[in-house]
Amino acid sequence: MTREEFLLEMDGMLGLRPGTLRGTEKLEELESWDSTALVGMIVLAESANDTEISLDEVVGCSTVGDLLRIAGVEGNCC
């Protein structure tokens, strides 16, 4: 999964317009970032690179870019 595909999936998961997320956003500032989104992010991150992501890894993230990093799709930043 590419960085752009991952961001589009995150947009959908969070109920945002496609193309909204860029990677620099703080998770705490996203209105729809909650426990359901957190679990969905684990599933998305694991499917992005066929690896296991722990709850602690996601909880330790403070930005969308951090999520991109643990999912292995950070690529070029904005």
PDB file of N, CA and C in Angstrom:
ATOM      1  N   MET A   1       0.848  -1.170   0.000  1.00  0.00           N
ATOM      2  CA  MET A   1       0.000   0.000   0.000  1.00  0.00           C
ATOM      3  C   MET A   1       0.897   1.238   0.000  1.00  0.00           C
ATOM      4  N   THR A   2       0.560   2.180  -0.841  1.00  0.00           N
ATOM      5  CA  THR A   2       1.339   3.402  -0.898  1.00  0.00           C
ATOM      6  C   THR A   2       0.910   4.367   0.201  1.00  0.00           C
ATOM      7  N   ARG A   3       1.708   5.371   0.414  1.00  0.00           N
ATOM      8  CA  ARG A   3       1.400   6.410   1.393  1.00  0.00           C
ATOM      9  C   ARG A   3       0.064   7.064   1.069  1.00  0.00           C
ATOM     10  N   GLU A   4      -0.136   7.390  -0.201  1.00  0.00           N
ATOM     11  CA  GLU A   4      -1.364   8.053  -0.629  1.00  0.00           C
ATOM     12  C   GLU A   4      -2.584   7.163  -0.405  1.00  0.00           C
ATOM     13  N   GLU A   5      -2.450   5.876  -0.714  1.00  0.00           N
ATOM     14  CA  GLU A   5      -3.555   4.937  -0.488  1.00  0.00           C
ATOM     15  C   GLU A   5      -3.881   4.829   0.998  1.00  0.00           C
ATOM     16  N   PHE A   6      -2.844   4.788   1.823  1.00  0.00           N
ATOM     17  CA  PHE A   6      -3.043   4.692   3.257  1.00  0.00           C
ATOM     18  C   PHE A   6      -3.783   5.936   3.768  1.00  0.00           C
ATOM     19  N   LEU A   7      -3.356   7.108   3.320  1.00  0.00           N
ATOM     20  CA  LEU A   7      -4.014   8.349   3.744  1.00  0.00           C
ATOM     21  C   LEU A   7      -5.476   8.392   3.289  1.00  0.00           C
ATOM     22  N   LEU A   8      -5.745   7.921   2.095  1.00  0.00           N
ATOM     23  CA  LEU A   8      -7.133   7.881   1.623  1.00  0.00           C
ATOM     24  C   LEU A   8      -7.973   6.927   2.467  1.00  0.00           C
ATOM     25  N   GLU A   9      -7.395   5.792   2.846  1.00  0.00           N
ATOM     26  CA  GLU A   9      -8.097   4.852   3.720  1.00  0.00           C
ATOM     27  C   GLU A   9      -8.370   5.491   5.076  1.00  0.00           C
ATOM     28  N   MET A  10      -7.387   6.220   5.590  1.00  0.00           N
ATOM     29  CA  MET A  10      -7.573   6.916   6.864  1.00  0.00           C
ATOM     30  C   MET A  10      -8.673   7.967   6.748  1.00  0.00           C
ATOM     31  N   ASP A  11      -8.674   8.715   5.636  1.00  0.00           N
ATOM     32  CA  ASP A  11      -9.737   9.706   5.413  1.00  0.00           C
ATOM     33  C   ASP A  11     -11.103   9.040   5.535  1.00  0.00           C
ATOM     34  N   GLY A  12     -11.270   7.912   4.860  1.00  0.00           N
ATOM     35  CA  GLY A  12     -12.540   7.208   4.878  1.00  0.00           C
ATOM     36  C   GLY A  12     -12.889   6.709   6.261  1.00  0.00           C
ATOM     37  N   MET A  13     -11.914   6.156   6.951  1.00  0.00           N
ATOM     38  CA  MET A  13     -12.132   5.620   8.283  1.00  0.00           C
ATOM     39  C   MET A  13     -12.553   6.718   9.266  1.00  0.00           C
ATOM     40  N   LEU A  14     -12.011   7.901   9.072  1.00  0.00           N
ATOM     41  CA  LEU A  14     -12.295   9.007   9.980  1.00  0.00           C
ATOM     42  C   LEU A  14     -13.454   9.882   9.502  1.00  0.00           C
ATOM     43  N   GLY A  15     -14.070   9.507   8.379  1.00  0.00           N
ATOM     44  CA  GLY A  15     -15.197  10.267   7.864  1.00  0.00           C
ATOM     45  C   GLY A  15     -14.806  11.610   7.275  1.00  0.00           C
ATOM     46  N   LEU A  16     -13.590  11.679   6.756  1.00  0.00           N
ATOM     47  CA  LEU A  16     -13.090  12.925   6.162  1.00  0.00           C
ATOM     48  C   LEU A  16     -13.198  12.866   4.642  1.00  0.00           C
ATOM     49  N   ARG A  17     -13.224  14.023   4.036  1.00  0.00           N
ATOM     50  CA  ARG A  17     -13.234  14.120   2.575  1.00  0.00           C
ATOM     51  C   ARG A  17     -11.925  13.534   2.047  1.00  0.00           C
ATOM     52  N   PRO A  18     -11.985  12.702   0.983  1.00  0.00           N
ATOM     53  CA  PRO A  18     -10.762  12.131   0.410  1.00  0.00           C
ATOM     54  C   PRO A  18      -9.751  13.223   0.078  1.00  0.00           C
ATOM     55  N   GLY A  19      -8.513  13.005   0.484  1.00  0.00           N
ATOM     56  CA  GLY A  19      -7.449  13.963   0.223  1.00  0.00           C
ATOM     57  C   GLY A  19      -7.253  14.962   1.352  1.00  0.00           C
ATOM     58  N   THR A  20      -7.992  14.795   2.450  1.00  0.00           N
ATOM     59  CA  THR A  20      -7.881  15.731   3.570  1.00  0.00           C
ATOM     60  C   THR A  20      -6.563  15.578   4.315  1.00  0.00           C
ATOM     61  N   LEU A  21      -6.229  14.357   4.697  1.00  0.00           N
ATOM     62  CA  LEU A  21      -5.032  14.125   5.508  1.00  0.00           C
ATOM     63  C   LEU A  21      -3.769  14.226   4.663  1.00  0.00           C
ATOM     64  N   ARG A  22      -2.741  14.846   5.259  1.00  0.00           N
ATOM     65  CA  ARG A  22      -1.455  15.018   4.579  1.00  0.00           C
ATOM     66  C   ARG A  22      -0.307  14.329   5.305  1.00  0.00           C
ATOM     67  N   GLY A  23      -0.492  14.071   6.605  1.00  0.00           N
ATOM     68  CA  GLY A  23       0.552  13.403   7.377  1.00  0.00           C
ATOM     69  C   GLY A  23       1.066  14.230   8.530  1.00  0.00           C
ATOM     70  N   THR A  24       0.818  15.513   8.524  1.00  0.00           N
ATOM     71  CA  THR A  24       1.324  16.382   9.581  1.00  0.00           C
ATOM     72  C   THR A  24       0.314  16.630  10.697  1.00  0.00           C
ATOM     73  N   GLU A  25      -0.899  16.149  10.514  1.00  0.00           N
ATOM     74  CA  GLU A  25      -1.968  16.410  11.475  1.00  0.00           C
ATOM     75  C   GLU A  25      -1.687  15.726  12.815  1.00  0.00           C
ATOM     76  N   LYS A  26      -2.056  16.398  13.899  1.00  0.00           N
ATOM     77  CA  LYS A  26      -1.971  15.810  15.235  1.00  0.00           C
ATOM     78  C   LYS A  26      -3.243  15.018  15.478  1.00  0.00           C
ATOM     79  N   LEU A  27      -3.080  13.793  15.937  1.00  0.00           N
ATOM     80  CA  LEU A  27      -4.232  12.916  16.150  1.00  0.00           C
ATOM     81  C   LEU A  27      -5.226  13.522  17.132  1.00  0.00           C
ATOM     82  N   GLU A  28      -4.745  14.151  18.174  1.00  0.00           N
ATOM     83  CA  GLU A  28      -5.634  14.735  19.185  1.00  0.00           C
ATOM     84  C   GLU A  28      -6.499  15.861  18.626  1.00  0.00           C
ATOM     85  N   GLU A  29      -6.111  16.412  17.483  1.00  0.00           N
ATOM     86  CA  GLU A  29      -6.876  17.494  16.872  1.00  0.00           C
ATOM     87  C   GLU A  29      -7.909  16.989  15.857  1.00  0.00           C
ATOM     88  N   LEU A  30      -7.879  15.685  15.563  1.00  0.00           N
ATOM     89  CA  LEU A  30      -8.844  15.101  14.636  1.00  0.00           C
ATOM     90  C   LEU A  30     -10.111  14.770  15.415  1.00  0.00           C
ATOM     91  N   GLU A  31     -11.189  15.395  15.054  1.00  0.00           N
ATOM     92  CA  GLU A  31     -12.453  15.245  15.775  1.00  0.00           C
ATOM     93  C   GLU A  31     -12.902  13.791  15.906  1.00  0.00           C
ATOM     94  N   SER A  32     -12.675  12.999  14.870  1.00  0.00           N
ATOM     95  CA  SER A  32     -13.165  11.623  14.869  1.00  0.00           C
ATOM     96  C   SER A  32     -12.123  10.601  15.333  1.00  0.00           C
ATOM     97  N   TRP A  33     -10.984  11.069  15.881  1.00  0.00           N
ATOM     98  CA  TRP A  33      -9.982  10.135  16.393  1.00  0.00           C
ATOM     99  C   TRP A  33     -10.454   9.660  17.766  1.00  0.00           C
ATOM    100  N   ASP A  34     -10.836   8.390  17.840  1.00  0.00           N
ATOM    101  CA  ASP A  34     -11.338   7.814  19.079  1.00  0.00           C
ATOM    102  C   ASP A  34     -10.902   6.355  19.149  1.00  0.00           C
ATOM    103  N   SER A  35     -11.419   5.612  20.116  1.00  0.00           N
ATOM    104  CA  SER A  35     -10.993   4.223  20.294  1.00  0.00           C
ATOM    105  C   SER A  35     -11.354   3.350  19.094  1.00  0.00           C
ATOM    106  N   THR A  36     -12.478   3.640  18.463  1.00  0.00           N
ATOM    107  CA  THR A  36     -12.864   2.871  17.270  1.00  0.00           C
ATOM    108  C   THR A  36     -11.886   3.133  16.132  1.00  0.00           C
ATOM    109  N   ALA A  37     -11.512   4.385  15.943  1.00  0.00           N
ATOM    110  CA  ALA A  37     -10.544   4.737  14.908  1.00  0.00           C
ATOM    111  C   ALA A  37      -9.187   4.115  15.216  1.00  0.00           C
ATOM    112  N   LEU A  38      -8.824   4.067  16.481  1.00  0.00           N
ATOM    113  CA  LEU A  38      -7.548   3.495  16.878  1.00  0.00           C
ATOM    114  C   LEU A  38      -7.478   2.015  16.496  1.00  0.00           C
ATOM    115  N   VAL A  39      -8.536   1.275  16.798  1.00  0.00           N
ATOM    116  CA  VAL A  39      -8.577  -0.153  16.437  1.00  0.00           C
ATOM    117  C   VAL A  39      -8.560  -0.316  14.915  1.00  0.00           C
ATOM    118  N   GLY A  40      -9.326   0.509  14.220  1.00  0.00           N
ATOM    119  CA  GLY A  40      -9.327   0.465  12.760  1.00  0.00           C
ATOM    120  C   GLY A  40      -7.961   0.754  12.183  1.00  0.00           C
ATOM    121  N   MET A  41      -7.226   1.649  12.839  1.00  0.00           N
ATOM    122  CA  MET A  41      -5.885   2.001  12.373  1.00  0.00           C
ATOM    123  C   MET A  41      -4.932   0.824  12.521  1.00  0.00           C
ATOM    124  N   ILE A  42      -5.100   0.044  13.593  1.00  0.00           N
ATOM    125  CA  ILE A  42      -4.263  -1.145  13.763  1.00  0.00           C
ATOM    126  C   ILE A  42      -4.504  -2.114  12.609  1.00  0.00           C
ATOM    127  N   VAL A  43      -5.761  -2.344  12.277  1.00  0.00           N
ATOM    128  CA  VAL A  43      -6.109  -3.246  11.176  1.00  0.00           C
ATOM    129  C   VAL A  43      -5.544  -2.711   9.860  1.00  0.00           C
ATOM    130  N   LEU A  44      -5.711  -1.421   9.617  1.00  0.00           N
ATOM    131  CA  LEU A  44      -5.201  -0.809   8.382  1.00  0.00           C
ATOM    132  C   LEU A  44      -3.685  -0.904   8.314  1.00  0.00           C
ATOM    133  N   ALA A  45      -3.018  -0.579   9.409  1.00  0.00           N
ATOM    134  CA  ALA A  45      -1.557  -0.615   9.418  1.00  0.00           C
ATOM    135  C   ALA A  45      -1.037  -2.028   9.204  1.00  0.00           C
ATOM    136  N   GLU A  46      -1.696  -3.011   9.837  1.00  0.00           N
ATOM    137  CA  GLU A  46      -1.260  -4.391   9.663  1.00  0.00           C
ATOM    138  C   GLU A  46      -1.471  -4.875   8.238  1.00  0.00           C
ATOM    139  N   SER A  47      -2.562  -4.469   7.619  1.00  0.00           N
ATOM    140  CA  SER A  47      -2.819  -4.896   6.247  1.00  0.00           C
ATOM    141  C   SER A  47      -1.909  -4.177   5.258  1.00  0.00           C
ATOM    142  N   ALA A  48      -1.414  -3.022   5.635  1.00  0.00           N
ATOM    143  CA  ALA A  48      -0.547  -2.249   4.734  1.00  0.00           C
ATOM    144  C   ALA A  48       0.799  -2.920   4.530  1.00  0.00           C
ATOM    145  N   ASN A  49       1.301  -3.619   5.550  1.00  0.00           N
ATOM    146  CA  ASN A  49       2.629  -4.204   5.407  1.00  0.00           C
ATOM    147  C   ASN A  49       2.735  -5.632   5.937  1.00  0.00           C
ATOM    148  N   ASP A  50       1.594  -6.299   6.103  1.00  0.00           N
ATOM    149  CA  ASP A  50       1.583  -7.704   6.537  1.00  0.00           C
ATOM    150  C   ASP A  50       2.439  -7.955   7.778  1.00  0.00           C
ATOM    151  N   THR A  51       2.279  -7.113   8.775  1.00  0.00           N
ATOM    152  CA  THR A  51       2.992  -7.287  10.030  1.00  0.00           C
ATOM    153  C   THR A  51       2.055  -6.956  11.176  1.00  0.00           C
ATOM    154  N   GLU A  52       2.431  -7.384  12.367  1.00  0.00           N
ATOM    155  CA  GLU A  52       1.601  -7.083  13.524  1.00  0.00           C
ATOM    156  C   GLU A  52       2.012  -5.753  14.135  1.00  0.00           C
ATOM    157  N   ILE A  53       1.020  -4.944  14.440  1.00  0.00           N
ATOM    158  CA  ILE A  53       1.225  -3.652  15.077  1.00  0.00           C
ATOM    159  C   ILE A  53       0.574  -3.741  16.449  1.00  0.00           C
ATOM    160  N   SER A  54       1.280  -3.343  17.476  1.00  0.00           N
ATOM    161  CA  SER A  54       0.701  -3.439  18.822  1.00  0.00           C
ATOM    162  C   SER A  54      -0.142  -2.210  19.139  1.00  0.00           C
ATOM    163  N   LEU A  55      -1.051  -2.395  20.052  1.00  0.00           N
ATOM    164  CA  LEU A  55      -1.867  -1.294  20.530  1.00  0.00           C
ATOM    165  C   LEU A  55      -0.975  -0.191  21.089  1.00  0.00           C
ATOM    166  N   ASP A  56       0.073  -0.573  21.810  1.00  0.00           N
ATOM    167  CA  ASP A  56       0.995   0.408  22.387  1.00  0.00           C
ATOM    168  C   ASP A  56       1.675   1.257  21.314  1.00  0.00           C
ATOM    169  N   GLU A  57       1.989   0.629  20.172  1.00  0.00           N
ATOM    170  CA  GLU A  57       2.618   1.392  19.086  1.00  0.00           C
ATOM    171  C   GLU A  57       1.678   2.486  18.580  1.00  0.00           C
ATOM    172  N   VAL A  58       0.409   2.140  18.398  1.00  0.00           N
ATOM    173  CA  VAL A  58      -0.558   3.121  17.895  1.00  0.00           C
ATOM    174  C   VAL A  58      -0.851   4.172  18.957  1.00  0.00           C
ATOM    175  N   VAL A  59      -1.003   3.744  20.203  1.00  0.00           N
ATOM    176  CA  VAL A  59      -1.258   4.696  21.286  1.00  0.00           C
ATOM    177  C   VAL A  59      -0.087   5.665  21.424  1.00  0.00           C
ATOM    178  N   GLY A  60       1.120   5.222  21.132  1.00  0.00           N
ATOM    179  CA  GLY A  60       2.305   6.065  21.210  1.00  0.00           C
ATOM    180  C   GLY A  60       2.424   7.078  20.086  1.00  0.00           C
ATOM    181  N   CYS A  61       1.562   6.989  19.105  1.00  0.00           N
ATOM    182  CA  CYS A  61       1.599   7.930  17.975  1.00  0.00           C
ATOM    183  C   CYS A  61       0.903   9.233  18.351  1.00  0.00           C
ATOM    184  N   SER A  62       1.479  10.337  17.917  1.00  0.00           N
ATOM    185  CA  SER A  62       0.846  11.629  18.175  1.00  0.00           C
ATOM    186  C   SER A  62       0.423  12.330  16.892  1.00  0.00           C
ATOM    187  N   THR A  63       0.944  11.873  15.757  1.00  0.00           N
ATOM    188  CA  THR A  63       0.589  12.492  14.476  1.00  0.00           C
ATOM    189  C   THR A  63       0.216  11.424  13.454  1.00  0.00           C
ATOM    190  N   VAL A  64      -0.413  11.855  12.392  1.00  0.00           N
ATOM    191  CA  VAL A  64      -0.717  10.957  11.279  1.00  0.00           C
ATOM    192  C   VAL A  64       0.594  10.410  10.710  1.00  0.00           C
ATOM    193  N   GLY A  65       1.634  11.240  10.673  1.00  0.00           N
ATOM    194  CA  GLY A  65       2.937  10.796  10.193  1.00  0.00           C
ATOM    195  C   GLY A  65       3.506   9.652  11.006  1.00  0.00           C
ATOM    196  N   ASP A  66       3.268   9.674  12.325  1.00  0.00           N
ATOM    197  CA  ASP A  66       3.705   8.570  13.175  1.00  0.00           C
ATOM    198  C   ASP A  66       3.006   7.276  12.763  1.00  0.00           C
ATOM    199  N   LEU A  67       1.706   7.375  12.466  1.00  0.00           N
ATOM    200  CA  LEU A  67       0.961   6.199  12.010  1.00  0.00           C
ATOM    201  C   LEU A  67       1.510   5.690  10.684  1.00  0.00           C
ATOM    202  N   LEU A  68       1.856   6.596   9.798  1.00  0.00           N
ATOM    203  CA  LEU A  68       2.443   6.208   8.511  1.00  0.00           C
ATOM    204  C   LEU A  68       3.749   5.449   8.735  1.00  0.00           C
ATOM    205  N   ARG A  69       4.544   5.929   9.694  1.00  0.00           N
ATOM    206  CA  ARG A  69       5.820   5.295   9.983  1.00  0.00           C
ATOM    207  C   ARG A  69       5.640   3.874  10.498  1.00  0.00           C
ATOM    208  N   ILE A  70       4.741   3.668  11.483  1.00  0.00           N
ATOM    209  CA  ILE A  70       4.604   2.316  12.023  1.00  0.00           C
ATOM    210  C   ILE A  70       3.952   1.367  11.028  1.00  0.00           C
ATOM    211  N   ALA A  71       3.193   1.939  10.082  1.00  0.00           N
ATOM    212  CA  ALA A  71       2.580   1.116   9.031  1.00  0.00           C
ATOM    213  C   ALA A  71       3.565   0.820   7.913  1.00  0.00           C
ATOM    214  N   GLY A  72       4.726   1.485   7.943  1.00  0.00           N
ATOM    215  CA  GLY A  72       5.749   1.255   6.927  1.00  0.00           C
ATOM    216  C   GLY A  72       5.437   1.899   5.590  1.00  0.00           C
ATOM    217  N   VAL A  73       4.636   2.966   5.620  1.00  0.00           N
ATOM    218  CA  VAL A  73       4.259   3.636   4.360  1.00  0.00           C
ATOM    219  C   VAL A  73       4.552   5.131   4.408  1.00  0.00           C
ATOM    220  N   GLU A  74       5.505   5.564   5.220  1.00  0.00           N
ATOM    221  CA  GLU A  74       5.733   6.995   5.371  1.00  0.00           C
ATOM    222  C   GLU A  74       6.160   7.693   4.089  1.00  0.00           C
ATOM    223  N   GLY A  75       6.950   7.062   3.257  1.00  0.00           N
ATOM    224  CA  GLY A  75       7.339   7.673   1.975  1.00  0.00           C
ATOM    225  C   GLY A  75       7.827   9.087   2.140  1.00  0.00           C
ATOM    226  N   ASN A  76       7.569   9.910   1.150  1.00  0.00           N
ATOM    227  CA  ASN A  76       7.953  11.317   1.194  1.00  0.00           C
ATOM    228  C   ASN A  76       6.909  12.105   1.962  1.00  0.00           C
ATOM    229  N   CYS A  77       7.361  12.866   2.899  1.00  0.00           N
ATOM    230  CA  CYS A  77       6.402  13.681   3.658  1.00  0.00           C
ATOM    231  C   CYS A  77       5.983  14.880   2.844  1.00  0.00           C
ATOM    232  N   CYS A  78       4.783  15.273   3.037  1.00  0.00           N
ATOM    233  CA  CYS A  78       4.081  16.400   2.421  1.00  0.00           C
ATOM    234  C   CYS A  78       5.040  17.336   1.795  1.00  0.00           C
TER     235      CYS A  78
END
